[in-house]
Every structure is written in structure tokens, then in C-alpha cells.
C-alpha atoms as a PDB file:
ATOM      1  CA  MET A   1       6.719 -31.137  47.860  1.00  0.00           C
ATOM      2  CA  THR A   2       4.268 -33.789  47.078  1.00  0.00           C
ATOM      3  CA  SER A   3       1.216 -33.169  44.868  1.00  0.00           C
ATOM      4  CA  VAL A   4      -2.338 -33.204  46.358  1.00  0.00           C
ATOM      5  CA  SER A   5      -3.161 -36.560  44.547  1.00  0.00           C
ATOM      6  CA  ASP A   6      -0.190 -37.818  46.083  1.00  0.00           C
ATOM      7  CA  GLN A   7      -1.204 -36.896  49.575  1.00  0.00           C
ATOM      8  CA  VAL A   8      -4.834 -38.212  49.036  1.00  0.00           C
ATOM      9  CA  ALA A   9      -3.383 -41.484  47.917  1.00  0.00           C
ATOM     10  CA  LEU A  10      -1.224 -41.762  51.121  1.00  0.00           C
ATOM     11  CA  LEU A  11      -4.158 -40.777  53.215  1.00  0.00           C
ATOM     12  CA  VAL A  12      -6.281 -43.519  51.587  1.00  0.00           C
ATOM     13  CA  ASP A  13      -3.509 -46.116  51.944  1.00  0.00           C
ATOM     14  CA  THR A  14      -3.041 -45.297  55.610  1.00  0.00           C
ATOM     15  CA  TYR A  15      -6.753 -45.563  56.247  1.00  0.00           C
ATOM     16  CA  VAL A  16      -7.024 -49.014  54.290  1.00  0.00           C
ATOM     17  CA  ARG A  17      -4.118 -50.346  56.493  1.00  0.00           C
ATOM     18  CA  SER A  18      -5.797 -49.304  59.700  1.00  0.00           C
ATOM     19  CA  ALA A  19      -9.471 -49.726  59.000  1.00  0.00           C
ATOM     20  CA  TRP A  20      -9.800 -52.735  56.715  1.00  0.00           C
ATOM     21  CA  LYS A  21      -7.933 -55.217  58.595  1.00  0.00           C
ATOM     22  CA  ARG A  22      -8.145 -58.423  60.558  1.00  0.00           C
ATOM     23  CA  PRO A  23      -5.493 -60.618  62.252  1.00  0.00           C
ATOM     24  CA  ASP A  24      -5.438 -62.875  59.251  1.00  0.00           C
ATOM     25  CA  SER A  25      -5.241 -59.903  56.825  1.00  0.00           C
ATOM     26  CA  GLU A  26      -2.371 -60.019  54.317  1.00  0.00           C
ATOM     27  CA  ILE A  27      -1.264 -56.538  52.914  1.00  0.00           C
ATOM     28  CA  THR A  28       0.851 -56.484  49.793  1.00  0.00           C
ATOM     29  CA  ASP A  29       2.415 -52.934  49.377  1.00  0.00           C
ATOM     30  CA  THR A  30       4.868 -52.543  46.579  1.00  0.00           C
ATOM     31  CA  PRO A  31       5.379 -49.387  44.412  1.00  0.00           C
ATOM     32  CA  THR A  32       3.199 -51.198  41.860  1.00  0.00           C
ATOM     33  CA  TRP A  33       0.570 -53.048  43.812  1.00  0.00           C
ATOM     34  CA  PHE A  34      -1.571 -52.531  47.036  1.00  0.00           C
ATOM     35  CA  GLN A  35      -3.864 -55.487  47.911  1.00  0.00           C
ATOM     36  CA  VAL A  36      -5.583 -56.465  51.157  1.00  0.00           C
ATOM     37  CA  ARG A  37      -6.630 -60.120  51.287  1.00  0.00           C
ATOM     38  CA  THR A  38      -8.426 -61.453  54.158  1.00  0.00           C
ATOM     39  CA  PRO A  39      -9.015 -65.338  54.017  1.00  0.00           C
ATOM     40  CA  SER A  40     -11.705 -65.187  56.933  1.00  0.00           C
ATOM     41  CA  ALA A  41     -13.671 -62.384  55.230  1.00  0.00           C
ATOM     42  CA  LYS A  42     -16.347 -63.006  52.393  1.00  0.00           C
ATOM     43  CA  PHE A  43     -16.994 -59.497  51.768  1.00  0.00           C
ATOM     44  CA  ASN A  44     -15.304 -56.762  49.598  1.00  0.00           C
ATOM     45  CA  SER A  45     -14.101 -54.244  52.006  1.00  0.00           C
ATOM     46  CA  LEU A  46     -11.558 -56.632  53.648  1.00  0.00           C
ATOM     47  CA  ASN A  47     -10.456 -58.026  50.023  1.00  0.00           C
ATOM     48  CA  CYS A  48      -9.359 -55.197  47.770  1.00  0.00           C
ATOM     49  CA  VAL A  49      -6.974 -53.953  45.338  1.00  0.00           C
ATOM     50  CA  ARG A  50      -5.990 -50.329  45.519  1.00  0.00           C
ATOM     51  CA  ARG A  51      -2.862 -49.731  43.354  1.00  0.00           C
ATOM     52  CA  THR A  52      -2.008 -51.385  40.099  1.00  0.00           C
ATOM     53  CA  LEU A  53       0.879 -49.738  38.371  1.00  0.00           C
ATOM     54  CA  CYS A  54       1.927 -52.808  36.327  1.00  0.00           C
ATOM     55  CA  ASP A  55       2.238 -53.352  32.566  1.00  0.00           C
ATOM     56  CA  ALA A  56      -0.533 -55.393  30.807  1.00  0.00           C
ATOM     57  CA  GLU A  57       1.628 -58.483  30.480  1.00  0.00           C
ATOM     58  CA  VAL A  58       2.022 -58.581  34.338  1.00  0.00           C
ATOM     59  CA  LEU A  59      -1.226 -57.278  35.287  1.00  0.00           C
ATOM     60  CA  THR A  60      -3.481 -59.759  33.187  1.00  0.00           C
ATOM     61  CA  PRO A  61      -2.204 -62.976  34.869  1.00  0.00           C
ATOM     62  CA  ARG A  62      -2.540 -61.303  38.372  1.00  0.00           C
ATOM     63  CA  ILE A  63      -6.069 -60.301  37.701  1.00  0.00           C
ATOM     64  CA  ASP A  64      -6.925 -63.752  36.529  1.00  0.00           C
ATOM     65  CA  ALA A  65      -5.299 -65.131  39.696  1.00  0.00           C
ATOM     66  CA  LEU A  66      -6.989 -62.758  41.906  1.00  0.00           C
ATOM     67  CA  ILE A  67     -10.477 -63.611  40.500  1.00  0.00           C
ATOM     68  CA  ALA A  68      -9.832 -67.388  40.951  1.00  0.00           C
ATOM     69  CA  ASP A  69      -8.561 -67.030  44.406  1.00  0.00           C
ATOM     70  CA  HIS A  70     -11.584 -65.145  45.610  1.00  0.00           C
ATOM     71  CA  ALA A  71     -14.150 -67.261  43.452  1.00  0.00           C
ATOM     72  CA  ALA A  72     -12.609 -70.375  45.153  1.00  0.00           C
ATOM     73  CA  ARG A  73     -13.225 -68.840  48.578  1.00  0.00           C
ATOM     74  CA  GLY A  74     -16.572 -67.686  47.757  1.00  0.00           C
ATOM     75  CA  ALA A  75     -15.541 -64.266  48.602  1.00  0.00           C
ATOM     76  CA  HIS A  76     -16.208 -60.685  46.975  1.00  0.00           C
ATOM     77  CA  PHE A  77     -13.502 -58.228  46.245  1.00  0.00           C
ATOM     78  CA  ARG A  78     -13.140 -54.591  45.412  1.00  0.00           C
ATOM     79  CA  TRP A  79     -11.166 -53.155  42.685  1.00  0.00           C
ATOM     80  CA  THR A  80     -10.631 -49.480  43.303  1.00  0.00           C
ATOM     81  CA  ALA A  81      -7.123 -49.252  41.790  1.00  0.00           C
ATOM     82  CA  GLU A  82      -5.304 -46.303  40.378  1.00  0.00           C
ATOM     83  CA  GLY A  83      -3.015 -46.522  37.396  1.00  0.00           C
ATOM     84  CA  ALA A  84      -3.539 -48.197  34.126  1.00  0.00           C
ATOM     85  CA  ALA A  85      -1.679 -50.965  32.275  1.00  0.00           C
END
């Protein structure tokens, strides 16, 4: 049986997939990373990171790249990630 926190995480991820999406949205969903990136959107609800379960040596360059990508597009993003490096 899954824990309550696992069930809540699944519910939130399902909501993110259905509600925060446009035709050009790119969803990255791996065991260690969940991200929605929407090139046409400048606001944070369509540009978010939800799961980061990476080691610090992997996470730090990804964070730097994410910040640079959104800054170059003039877009905001939301970081509501669970997990820790």
C-alpha cells in the first residue's frame, strides 16, 4: 500500500499534467525530476519544477541551466519541488 504522501504527490502530478498545459508545453517526468516548461508562457504556473531527487552535483548545473533558460525568455518559474540534494 502506498503512503498518504505518495498518494498526494500522485494527485498533484496528475493535476499538473492536466491543468498546467498548453499545446507547446514540454513535460519532463522521470523518477528524479518533474518539470513543466512552456515556451509561449511568461508566467510561473506553466513553467514549474515539482520534483527534484537528484544529488547536488547533478542538481546544481540543472538549476543554473533552468534559471538561464527562463531568464533568456523573460519568463517566471515556480519551484515547488519535493526532495533534497
